[in-house]
Each structure stands twice: as C-alpha cells, then as structure tokens.
Protein backbone atom coordinates (compact mmCIF):
# COMPACT_ATOMS: atom_id res chain seq x y z
CA MET A 1 0.00 0.00 0.00
CA ASN A 2 1.14 3.53 -0.70
CA GLU A 3 1.07 4.99 2.80
CA ARG A 4 2.33 8.41 1.73
CA ALA A 5 -0.35 8.92 -0.91
CA ASP A 6 -3.00 7.61 1.42
CA ALA A 7 -1.94 10.03 4.13
CA LEU A 8 -2.03 12.99 1.72
CA SER A 9 -5.53 12.15 0.56
CA ARG A 10 -6.79 12.23 4.14
CA GLN A 11 -5.54 15.74 4.95
CA GLU A 12 -8.25 17.93 6.40
CA GLN A 13 -7.67 20.78 3.94
CA ASP A 14 -8.21 18.39 1.04
CA MET A 15 -11.59 17.08 2.25
CA PRO A 16 -14.78 18.60 0.65
CA HIS A 17 -16.76 20.96 2.88
CA GLY A 18 -20.01 22.85 2.78
CA GLN A 19 -21.83 22.87 -0.57
CA ASP A 20 -19.12 21.02 -2.41
CA GLU A 21 -20.76 18.92 -5.14
CA ARG A 22 -18.47 16.01 -4.31
CA THR A 23 -20.40 15.43 -1.09
CA ASP A 24 -23.68 14.77 -2.94
CA TYR A 25 -22.77 11.23 -3.95
CA ARG A 26 -20.77 10.12 -0.94
CA THR A 27 -23.90 8.45 0.53
CA MET A 28 -26.70 6.71 -1.33
CA GLN A 29 -30.03 5.23 -0.19
CA LEU A 30 -30.43 1.84 -1.81
CA LEU A 31 -34.04 1.24 -0.79
CA ARG A 32 -36.10 4.36 -1.41
CA LEU A 33 -39.72 4.79 -0.48
CA ASP A 34 -40.80 5.38 -4.09
CA MET A 35 -39.59 1.88 -4.94
CA PHE A 36 -42.45 0.31 -2.94
CA ARG A 37 -46.21 0.42 -3.37
CA THR A 38 -47.14 1.87 -0.01
CA LYS A 39 -50.87 1.43 -0.57
CA ASP A 40 -50.41 -2.35 -0.58
CA THR A 41 -48.17 -2.41 2.46
CA ILE A 42 -49.71 -4.01 5.53
CA SER A 43 -48.42 -3.64 9.00
CA ALA A 44 -46.71 -6.79 10.21
CA ALA A 45 -48.80 -6.69 13.36
CA LEU A 46 -51.97 -7.05 11.32
CA VAL A 47 -50.80 -9.95 9.19
CA ARG A 48 -52.87 -12.98 10.09
CA THR A 49 -50.95 -16.13 9.32
CA MET A 50 -53.72 -18.11 10.95
CA ARG A 51 -57.25 -17.49 12.13
CA SER A 52 -56.07 -16.08 15.43
CA SER A 53 -58.09 -12.86 15.49
CA SER A 54 -60.30 -12.23 18.47
CA GLU A 55 -63.19 -11.31 16.16
CA ASP A 56 -65.81 -14.04 16.35
CA THR A 57 -68.21 -15.02 13.61
CA ASP A 58 -71.97 -14.88 14.05
CA ASP A 59 -72.36 -18.60 14.57
CA LEU A 60 -69.50 -18.65 17.06
CA ARG A 61 -70.97 -15.68 18.92
CA ALA A 62 -74.34 -17.41 19.18
CA LEU A 63 -72.64 -20.59 20.39
CA TRP A 64 -70.73 -18.53 22.96
CA ASN A 65 -73.91 -17.01 24.39
CA GLU A 66 -75.42 -20.47 24.64
CA ALA A 67 -72.33 -21.79 26.42
CA MET A 68 -72.43 -19.03 29.03
CA THR A 69 -75.81 -20.29 30.24
CA TYR A 70 -74.54 -23.84 30.73
CA ASP A 71 -71.22 -23.21 32.51
CA GLU A 72 -71.98 -22.56 36.18
CA THR A 73 -68.30 -22.14 37.06
CA TYR A 74 -67.99 -19.43 34.42
CA GLU A 75 -70.96 -17.55 35.89
CA ALA A 76 -69.64 -17.90 39.45
CA ALA A 77 -66.25 -16.52 38.37
CA ARG A 78 -67.94 -13.46 36.83
CA ASP A 79 -69.92 -12.89 40.03
CA ALA A 80 -66.70 -12.99 42.06
CA ILE A 81 -65.21 -10.27 39.87
CA ARG A 82 -68.37 -8.11 40.00
CA THR A 83 -68.45 -8.25 43.80
CA ASP A 84 -64.70 -7.46 44.10
CA LYS A 85 -63.83 -10.59 46.04
CA ALA A 86 -60.21 -11.18 47.03
CA LYS A 87 -60.06 -14.60 45.38
CA PHE A 88 -62.24 -17.18 43.73
CA PRO A 89 -64.32 -19.43 45.99
CA ARG A 90 -62.57 -22.67 46.85
CA GLU A 91 -65.40 -24.85 45.53
CA LEU A 92 -64.74 -23.55 41.99
CA ASN A 93 -61.32 -25.27 42.05
CA LEU A 94 -59.80 -22.72 39.66
CA LYS A 95 -56.00 -22.68 39.44
CA VAL A 96 -55.84 -19.00 38.44
CA SER A 97 -55.55 -15.75 40.34
CA LEU A 98 -58.58 -13.46 40.51
CA SER A 99 -56.34 -10.42 40.21
CA GLU A 100 -55.45 -11.48 36.65
CA CYS A 101 -59.10 -11.76 35.58
CA SER A 102 -61.49 -9.07 34.45
CA LEU A 103 -64.66 -8.44 32.41
CA ASP A 104 -64.85 -6.84 28.98
CA SER A 105 -67.47 -4.49 27.60
CA GLN A 106 -69.73 -7.43 26.70
CA ASP A 107 -69.53 -8.81 30.24
CA ARG A 108 -67.35 -11.74 29.13
CA LEU A 109 -64.66 -13.13 31.39
CA LEU A 110 -61.04 -12.29 30.57
CA PHE A 111 -57.84 -13.86 31.85
CA ARG A 112 -54.70 -11.80 31.22
CA ARG A 113 -56.65 -9.87 28.55
CA ARG A 114 -57.59 -13.11 26.78
CA LYS A 115 -61.16 -14.34 26.45
CA TRP A 116 -62.05 -17.11 28.84
CA VAL A 117 -63.95 -19.75 26.86
CA PRO A 118 -66.85 -21.31 28.80
CA ASP A 119 -66.84 -25.03 29.55
CA TYR A 120 -68.93 -26.06 26.54
CA ASN A 121 -67.45 -28.91 24.50
CA THR A 122 -68.99 -27.91 21.19
CA LEU A 123 -67.67 -24.35 21.49
CA ARG A 124 -64.15 -25.32 22.50
CA THR A 125 -63.88 -27.98 19.81
CA LYS A 126 -65.09 -25.55 17.16
CA MET A 127 -62.49 -22.97 18.18
CA ILE A 128 -59.69 -25.54 18.02
CA GLN A 129 -60.93 -26.83 14.67
CA ARG A 130 -61.10 -23.42 12.99
CA THR A 131 -57.58 -22.63 14.23
CA HIS A 132 -56.03 -25.98 13.32
CA ASP A 133 -57.83 -26.55 10.00
CA ASP A 134 -57.13 -23.07 8.64
CA LYS A 135 -56.02 -23.42 5.00
CA ILE A 136 -53.47 -20.62 5.23
CA CYS A 137 -51.33 -22.45 7.77
CA GLY A 138 -52.08 -26.01 6.81
CA HIS A 139 -52.69 -28.08 9.95
CA PRO A 140 -49.99 -26.99 12.40
CA GLY A 141 -48.84 -29.34 15.10
CA ARG A 142 -49.84 -29.52 18.72
CA ASP A 143 -47.54 -26.80 20.03
CA ASN A 144 -48.18 -24.30 17.23
CA THR A 145 -51.93 -24.75 17.42
CA ALA A 146 -51.90 -24.20 21.19
CA GLN A 147 -49.63 -21.18 20.81
CA VAL A 148 -51.86 -19.46 18.25
CA LEU A 149 -55.06 -20.28 20.10
CA SER A 150 -53.68 -18.97 23.40
CA ARG A 151 -53.00 -15.53 21.92
CA ASN A 152 -56.64 -14.51 22.36
CA TYR A 153 -58.35 -17.35 24.24
CA PHE A 154 -57.95 -19.29 27.45
CA TRP A 155 -59.59 -22.12 29.33
CA PRO A 156 -58.21 -24.60 31.91
CA ARG A 157 -56.38 -27.60 30.41
CA MET A 158 -56.50 -26.06 26.95
CA SER A 159 -53.20 -27.69 25.91
CA GLU A 160 -54.60 -31.15 26.74
CA ASP A 161 -57.64 -30.55 24.54
CA VAL A 162 -55.44 -29.34 21.69
CA GLN A 163 -53.19 -32.38 21.98
CA ARG A 164 -56.21 -34.69 21.90
CA PHE A 165 -57.64 -32.90 18.87
CA VAL A 166 -54.40 -33.04 16.88
CA ARG A 167 -53.91 -36.69 17.77
CA ASN A 168 -57.24 -37.51 16.11
CA CYS A 169 -56.81 -35.28 13.05
CA GLN A 170 -56.90 -37.56 10.00
CA VAL A 171 -55.13 -35.11 7.68
CA CYS A 172 -52.18 -34.79 10.05
CA ARG A 173 -51.93 -38.55 10.54
CA ARG A 174 -51.90 -39.18 6.79
CA SER A 175 -49.29 -36.60 5.87
CA LYS A 176 -46.97 -35.95 8.82
CA SER A 177 -43.99 -38.13 9.63
CA TRP A 178 -43.84 -40.22 12.76
CA LYS A 179 -41.58 -38.74 15.42
CA ASP A 180 -41.29 -41.75 17.70
CA GLN A 181 -38.71 -44.51 17.60
CA ARG A 182 -39.08 -47.55 15.40
CA GLN A 183 -41.44 -49.99 17.04
CA GLY A 184 -40.82 -53.68 17.44
CA PHE A 185 -37.65 -55.22 18.83
CA LEU A 186 -35.30 -57.15 16.59
CA LYS A 187 -36.14 -60.84 16.47
CA PRO A 188 -33.16 -62.83 15.12
CA LEU A 189 -33.62 -66.18 13.43
CA PRO A 190 -32.74 -69.23 15.56
CA VAL A 191 -29.25 -70.66 15.23
CA PRO A 192 -29.27 -73.72 12.93
CA ASP A 193 -28.31 -77.05 14.50
CA GLN A 194 -26.65 -78.47 11.35
CA VAL A 195 -24.90 -77.16 8.28
CA TRP A 196 -26.93 -76.78 5.08
CA LYS A 197 -30.18 -77.28 6.98
CA GLU A 198 -31.19 -73.61 6.87
CA ILE A 199 -30.25 -71.76 3.72
CA SER A 200 -30.92 -68.46 1.98
CA ILE A 201 -31.55 -68.16 -1.75
CA ASP A 202 -30.92 -64.95 -3.66
CA PHE A 203 -30.18 -63.95 -7.23
CA ILE A 204 -27.87 -61.71 -9.21
CA ILE A 205 -29.83 -60.80 -12.32
CA ASP A 206 -29.44 -59.03 -15.66
CA LEU A 207 -25.78 -59.94 -16.20
CA PRO A 208 -24.05 -60.18 -19.60
CA GLU A 209 -24.83 -63.50 -21.24
CA SER A 210 -22.33 -66.30 -20.68
CA GLU A 211 -22.97 -69.83 -21.90
CA GLY A 212 -26.65 -69.01 -22.20
CA CYS A 213 -26.96 -67.71 -18.61
CA THR A 214 -27.74 -64.14 -17.56
CA ASN A 215 -28.46 -64.75 -13.87
CA ILE A 216 -26.62 -66.25 -10.89
CA ILE A 217 -28.29 -68.12 -8.06
CA VAL A 218 -26.61 -67.64 -4.67
CA VAL A 219 -27.32 -70.29 -2.02
CA THR A 220 -25.82 -69.54 1.40
CA ASP A 221 -25.68 -71.79 4.45
CA ARG A 222 -26.70 -69.77 7.50
CA LEU A 223 -24.41 -71.68 9.88
CA SER A 224 -21.18 -72.29 8.00
CA ARG A 225 -21.58 -69.35 5.62
CA GLY A 226 -20.79 -71.65 2.75
CA VAL A 227 -21.88 -70.35 -0.66
CA ILE A 228 -22.98 -72.05 -3.88
CA LEU A 229 -23.04 -69.92 -7.04
CA GLU A 230 -24.18 -71.13 -10.43
CA GLY A 231 -25.51 -69.53 -13.58
CA LEU A 232 -29.16 -69.78 -14.68
CA PRO A 233 -30.85 -68.72 -17.92
CA ASN A 234 -33.78 -67.24 -15.94
CA ILE A 235 -35.12 -67.16 -12.41
CA ARG A 236 -38.55 -68.67 -12.98
CA THR A 237 -39.76 -71.09 -10.31
CA GLU A 238 -39.56 -74.08 -12.67
CA THR A 239 -35.93 -73.35 -13.61
CA VAL A 240 -34.84 -72.78 -9.99
CA THR A 241 -36.58 -75.98 -8.83
CA ASN A 242 -34.92 -78.10 -11.52
CA TRP A 243 -31.49 -76.74 -10.64
CA PHE A 244 -32.13 -77.28 -6.93
CA LEU A 245 -33.01 -80.97 -7.42
CA LYS A 246 -30.07 -81.58 -9.74
CA THR A 247 -27.38 -79.78 -7.72
CA PHE A 248 -28.33 -79.08 -4.10
CA TYR A 249 -30.70 -81.95 -3.33
CA GLN A 250 -28.24 -84.66 -4.41
CA ARG A 251 -25.54 -83.35 -2.05
CA TYR A 252 -27.39 -81.98 1.02
CA PHE A 253 -30.93 -83.37 0.77
CA LEU A 254 -33.83 -81.05 1.69
CA PRO A 255 -33.23 -78.08 4.02
CA GLN A 256 -35.41 -77.40 7.02
CA ALA A 257 -35.93 -73.73 6.25
CA ILE A 258 -35.40 -71.37 3.30
CA ILE A 259 -35.32 -67.57 3.43
CA SER A 260 -34.98 -65.14 0.56
CA ASP A 261 -34.90 -61.40 -0.05
CA ARG A 262 -37.46 -61.98 -2.77
CA GLY A 263 -40.15 -62.40 -0.11
CA VAL A 264 -42.36 -65.15 1.20
CA GLN A 265 -44.22 -65.29 -2.11
CA PHE A 266 -41.18 -66.68 -3.90
CA VAL A 267 -40.38 -69.07 -1.04
CA ASN A 268 -43.92 -70.45 -0.99
CA ARG A 269 -43.99 -70.98 -4.74
CA PHE A 270 -40.61 -72.66 -4.62
CA TRP A 271 -41.60 -75.04 -1.80
CA LYS A 272 -44.85 -75.91 -3.51
CA ARG A 273 -43.19 -76.71 -6.83
CA LEU A 274 -40.38 -78.63 -5.12
CA CYS A 275 -42.81 -80.82 -3.17
CA GLN A 276 -44.84 -81.46 -6.29
CA GLN A 277 -41.80 -82.83 -8.08
CA LEU A 278 -40.81 -84.91 -5.05
CA GLU A 279 -44.43 -85.99 -4.52
CA HIS A 280 -44.38 -84.75 -0.94
CA GLY A 281 -47.28 -83.15 0.81
CA TYR A 282 -46.94 -79.36 0.84
CA SER A 283 -47.47 -77.02 3.74
CA ALA A 284 -46.11 -73.60 4.57
CA ASP A 285 -44.22 -74.98 7.57
CA PRO A 286 -40.78 -76.59 7.19
CA LEU A 287 -40.88 -80.29 6.40
CA ASP A 288 -40.18 -82.82 9.10
CA LEU A 289 -38.03 -85.37 7.32
CA GLU A 290 -36.59 -87.31 10.22
CA ASP A 291 -38.64 -90.42 9.30
CA THR A 292 -37.54 -90.27 5.64
CA TYR A 293 -33.87 -90.04 6.40
CA GLU A 294 -32.12 -93.37 6.02
CA ASP A 295 -28.84 -93.77 7.75
CA ASN A 296 -26.81 -96.32 5.79
CA MET A 297 -23.67 -95.84 7.89
CA LYS A 298 -22.69 -98.88 9.95
CA ARG A 299 -22.25 -97.54 13.43
CA ASP A 300 -20.79 -100.71 14.82
CA SER A 301 -17.68 -100.51 12.59
CA PRO A 302 -16.15 -97.06 13.12
CA ILE A 303 -12.74 -96.16 11.85
CA ALA A 304 -10.50 -94.21 14.15
CA LYS A 305 -9.55 -91.69 11.50
CA ALA A 306 -13.16 -91.12 10.55
CA GLU A 307 -14.05 -90.64 14.19
CA ARG A 308 -11.43 -87.93 14.55
CA VAL A 309 -12.76 -86.15 11.47
CA VAL A 310 -16.30 -86.38 12.78
CA ARG A 311 -15.29 -85.00 16.19
CA LYS A 312 -13.41 -82.19 14.50
CA LEU A 313 -16.44 -81.28 12.41
CA GLN A 314 -18.67 -81.43 15.46
CA ASP A 315 -16.36 -79.11 17.37
CA ALA A 316 -16.30 -76.71 14.43
CA ARG A 317 -20.09 -76.77 14.24
CA GLU A 318 -20.47 -76.06 17.97
CA TRP A 319 -17.96 -73.23 17.74
CA ALA A 320 -19.84 -71.74 14.78
CA GLN A 321 -23.12 -72.00 16.65
CA SER A 322 -21.66 -70.26 19.70
CA ALA A 323 -20.10 -67.51 17.61
CA MET A 324 -23.33 -66.99 15.69
CA ALA A 325 -25.40 -66.79 18.88
CA ALA A 326 -22.96 -64.30 20.44
CA THR A 327 -23.03 -62.14 17.31
CA GLN A 328 -26.82 -62.15 17.26
CA GLN A 329 -26.93 -61.01 20.87
CA ILE A 330 -24.56 -58.10 20.15
CA VAL A 331 -26.52 -57.01 17.08
CA GLU A 332 -29.83 -57.39 18.90
CA LYS A 333 -28.65 -55.24 21.80
CA ALA A 334 -27.27 -52.51 19.52
CA VAL A 335 -30.39 -52.35 17.35
CA ASN A 336 -32.92 -52.46 20.19
CA GLU A 337 -31.32 -49.45 21.88
CA HIS A 338 -32.93 -47.31 19.17
CA ARG A 339 -36.28 -49.11 19.18
CA GLN A 340 -39.24 -49.39 21.48
CA GLU A 341 -41.66 -52.18 22.14
CA GLY A 342 -44.56 -52.09 19.75
CA PRO A 343 -48.17 -52.42 20.91
CA LYS A 344 -49.93 -55.73 20.63
CA TYR A 345 -52.77 -55.37 18.15
CA LYS A 346 -55.96 -57.41 17.97
CA VAL A 347 -58.39 -58.26 15.20
CA ASN A 348 -60.60 -55.29 14.15
CA ASP A 349 -58.09 -52.76 15.51
CA LYS A 350 -57.60 -49.67 13.34
CA VAL A 351 -53.97 -48.94 12.49
CA TRP A 352 -52.01 -46.53 10.31
CA LEU A 353 -49.91 -48.24 7.65
CA ASP A 354 -46.67 -46.76 6.35
CA LEU A 355 -47.02 -46.55 2.55
CA ARG A 356 -43.30 -46.41 1.82
CA ASN A 357 -43.48 -49.71 -0.07
CA VAL A 358 -46.83 -49.08 -1.79
CA CYS A 359 -46.82 -47.54 -5.28
CA THR A 360 -49.77 -45.39 -6.35
CA ASP A 361 -50.68 -43.40 -9.44
CA ARG A 362 -49.50 -40.14 -7.89
CA PRO A 363 -46.87 -38.45 -10.10
CA SER A 364 -44.62 -37.74 -7.10
CA LYS A 365 -44.08 -39.83 -3.99
CA LYS A 366 -43.44 -36.64 -2.02
CA LEU A 367 -46.95 -35.36 -2.77
CA ASP A 368 -48.60 -38.66 -1.92
CA ASP A 369 -50.06 -39.63 1.45
CA LYS A 370 -47.45 -41.14 3.75
CA TYR A 371 -49.87 -43.31 5.70
CA ALA A 372 -53.31 -44.87 5.29
CA LYS A 373 -55.71 -46.32 7.84
CA TYR A 374 -56.76 -49.97 7.62
CA THR A 375 -58.26 -52.66 9.84
CA ILE A 376 -56.42 -55.71 11.18
CA THR A 377 -58.14 -58.88 9.96
CA GLU A 378 -55.71 -61.52 11.31
CA VAL A 379 -52.79 -61.80 13.71
CA ILE A 380 -50.09 -63.79 11.88
CA GLY A 381 -47.38 -63.82 14.55
CA SER A 382 -45.81 -61.72 17.25
CA HIS A 383 -44.64 -59.13 14.73
CA SER A 384 -46.86 -59.65 11.66
CA TYR A 385 -50.45 -58.69 10.93
CA ARG A 386 -52.84 -59.01 8.01
CA LEU A 387 -54.75 -55.87 6.95
CA ASP A 388 -57.76 -55.25 4.74
CA THR A 389 -55.70 -53.64 1.98
CA PRO A 390 -57.01 -53.37 -1.59
CA PRO A 391 -56.37 -56.22 -4.06
CA GLY A 392 -52.93 -56.16 -5.60
CA ILE A 393 -51.13 -55.21 -2.39
CA HIS A 394 -49.51 -57.82 -0.17
CA ASN A 395 -51.64 -57.61 2.98
CA VAL A 396 -49.21 -58.91 5.65
CA PHE A 397 -47.05 -56.25 7.32
CA HIS A 398 -44.48 -56.04 10.08
CA SER A 399 -45.44 -54.14 13.21
CA MET A 400 -42.65 -51.67 12.44
CA LEU A 401 -44.83 -50.26 9.63
CA LEU A 402 -47.92 -49.89 11.84
CA ARG A 403 -49.12 -47.34 14.37
CA PRO A 404 -52.36 -47.44 16.38
CA ALA A 405 -55.12 -45.11 15.24
CA SER A 406 -56.64 -42.82 17.89
CA TYR A 407 -60.37 -42.65 18.48
CA ASP A 408 -60.67 -40.48 21.58
CA LEU A 409 -62.21 -37.58 19.65
CA LEU A 410 -63.26 -34.37 21.31
CA PRO A 411 -67.03 -33.92 21.45
CA GLY A 412 -68.09 -32.44 18.12
CA GLN A 413 -64.76 -33.08 16.37
CA LYS A 414 -65.18 -33.92 12.70
CA GLN A 415 -63.24 -36.92 11.40
CA ASP A 416 -63.39 -38.80 8.12
CA ASP A 417 -63.11 -42.51 8.78
CA THR A 418 -62.46 -43.38 5.16
CA HIS A 419 -59.16 -44.23 3.53
CA PRO A 420 -58.57 -43.92 -0.21
CA ASP A 421 -57.59 -47.22 -1.76
CA PRO A 422 -54.08 -46.95 -3.23
CA VAL A 423 -54.05 -47.51 -6.99
CA MET A 424 -51.22 -49.76 -8.01
CA GLN A 425 -48.94 -48.29 -10.65
CA PRO A 426 -48.75 -50.57 -13.73
CA ASP A 427 -45.42 -52.15 -14.50
CA LYS A 428 -45.06 -50.39 -17.83
CA GLU A 429 -45.13 -46.64 -18.23
CA ASN A 430 -47.87 -44.85 -20.09
CA GLU A 431 -47.24 -44.51 -23.81
CA TRP A 432 -48.28 -41.37 -25.68
CA GLU A 433 -48.67 -40.87 -29.39
CA ILE A 434 -46.91 -37.77 -30.77
CA ASP A 435 -49.36 -35.37 -32.42
CA LYS A 436 -46.93 -32.87 -33.93
CA ILE A 437 -43.46 -31.39 -33.41
CA GLU A 438 -43.60 -27.73 -32.48
CA ASN A 439 -39.89 -27.03 -32.74
CA GLU A 440 -36.61 -28.86 -33.15
CA LYS A 441 -32.94 -28.24 -32.62
CA GLY A 442 -30.20 -30.22 -34.26
CA THR A 443 -26.83 -31.11 -32.85
CA GLY A 444 -24.89 -31.47 -36.09
C-alpha cells in the first residue's frame, strides 16, 4: 500500500466541505420509499398467518352465548369479579388468580386480557378446529396450534384438549412423519443345528450372457456361511426348482428352512413346486423329514480316522453356533437401543400403515399420502399382521410399519373414517402418441 499517498488524501484541507458537489454522492439510499407500493403495504402486526383474530363469527358468537348459560363455574367466576372478592371461591377449584381476571365491555370473562372460553365442549372444539384446520397455515402441530389459540383465548387444560384434537386429526396422521422410535424389537432367526439345513436363496440378475446364462443363483448356508453360485438362464420357479433338485438336493438333501430377499411369495412358490416334483405333501411350515432319512452308515464298525474327522467337524459346528449366537446377541442389543416395544394389536383394531413400499398413481411420492388407515383382519405372529388392503397389495405387514389409530375424539370433532384405496402403478409406463413437433434443434 502507498502509505504516503493515502496520508495525503486524508488531509483535512483536502476534504470537501459545505456545498461542495463532491459530497452529494458520498452516501446513497439503496431502498427508497418510491420503490415500494405503499398502498399495498400491511403492517406486520396485522398480518394474520392463521385465524387467530379475536373477532368471532356470528355462529361462534351465538354458540358462545349459549355456552355461558350452561357453565356454572364461568358464571360464578364473573360474580366474584363483580363483587370485588379477594379470590375465587374454593369450591370452583380454579388454578388461576382473581387479580389477573377481568370483564370486557360485553360482560365476558377475561384472563390476562384473553377471552375465557366457557366449559362447553362444542364451542371449544369448534375454536380448536377453525384454528387448526385453517387453509393458510395447513394443519400446524400440537404446540403451534396451542400457541396461536392462546393468543386470544384461554380455558383450563387447553393444551390437553389441543393435543387430543391433533392426535385424532386424520389429515395430520396421513401426511406428517412419525416422530417416535421404530417400534418392534429385533427378532433374530434361531441358530441352525446343522450345516446346510437352513439356507438363503438370492439372485444376481441381468448380467451379460455367458454360456446361455444371464443370472446367478446364490445359495448360502446360514451356519457355515458356505456359498454355492451357479448360472441360470432365468429365475422362474420351474428353472430354480430343476437346478435345486439336480445340484443341491443330491448333495445336502432337503433343508429345514429357506429364506430369501425376494419375499415369502417366492419361497412359498418354490416349496410348492419342489414338493410337487418330489411328490411330498406341501405345507407352509418346514418339512419334518426325520422319518424319511435313512442312515446307511454302519455304526458298529467305526474307523479311528473317521471318528477324529467327525469329532473335528462337530467341534467346528459347535464353535460356529456359539459364535453366531454371540453375534446375534450383540446385534440385537445394539439395534434395540434405538427401538421401542410395539403395541400388541388385535383383530378389528384400526392402524395406520406406512405406505413407503406401496406404489400409487401419484406423479410424485413426495406429494402422496405417507400413511393410510386400515383394519387388522388376522394376527399372523408376534410381529406380523394381516390388513384389509385393496387387491394387488400384499396384505401382511411387520409391526414396524404400523401405528395405532386414535379414536378419543373431542365432542363435536369432525373426522373422516375413510381411507382412499391406493391404486397400483402398472409395470409399464404410459405410452403417448406424438401429435406434432412444435420445434426442433439439431446437434450437427
């Protein structure tokens, strides 16, 4: 920096004074009054983001006058103020100070300059509903509704009534995210007692073709973590069953349980087709094959070397079982720290279902309802329930995706007990025929 030149430019005799024209542009107002339309300007204090004004409509005023004749405590409190008593009578059981109460010009009771609403359920519910259901704000939560309502009104236990109203608001329940922890503790699968007796079947699909195969079947033993991978031309049930009988069945016989990320639908179809080919009776439960197993080993002629191998394999199996059980306990403890026990539902209970896995015809998932209310028709297990969902939707859900629906409505609260049936999105996208080309732009 040039300190000498800077010092010379700041000398007092060189600064403009008085009517010097150089002082006219040293300051500038960026936001001038003529840049705004003052006739459209509204004072911020008068902006009503919600229906929080103390002005009452005609129907609300008539309902208020009716309520004043029913609430004896309200009338006794006004009499105490008119007679200049030191405090409210004890039999009124009011947890407020008389010095903070007064009467307005219409002889209505005020508490800290806010209107005291008489104890009339229809009136109080209507006031909460018009505040909460206001279209400008869009269904605020419990705290915001109570805050706005308490600007001009008061009654004992008002926050409890607001909480009860919001809890039973169907619009809020359908569109607002759950704030509680995930419900339902983790329930690990039991540790298998033998290798290759409980397996998982999954697929790697849409691979480049190799020897006529574009898919890979992955069979994993849950105990030893052994893996079998082999290519398949497709993953239809018939193809998978034929491969299973030719490859897995000849080496390990039938497993006791099969799990798959493709869902219980695939597992049930696979078991059914497999039993049909083996001419076994089919049921959804694992097969009990102890009577069909034929042990051809001669137990009365053991070989010492074979015995050592068998003992070694048994020790390895027991070690694997212990390690697997210990790992499951660690994972279960870590996961359940962030979960809470879910409620136990019964048949005919109303529940809210999380629609995260349900596709509808809405153009955007963000604009769609997050939850829908259904009825439990069957209790499948400790964590699974069957709902009365529309056709085309798998109707068995984990308790993690369910929340109980509230039915402790305030007297006079309006609630729609209907749920729109989700429309399943077709697998293929809609096709449109081009009418004409308005404009084009080439790249070459």
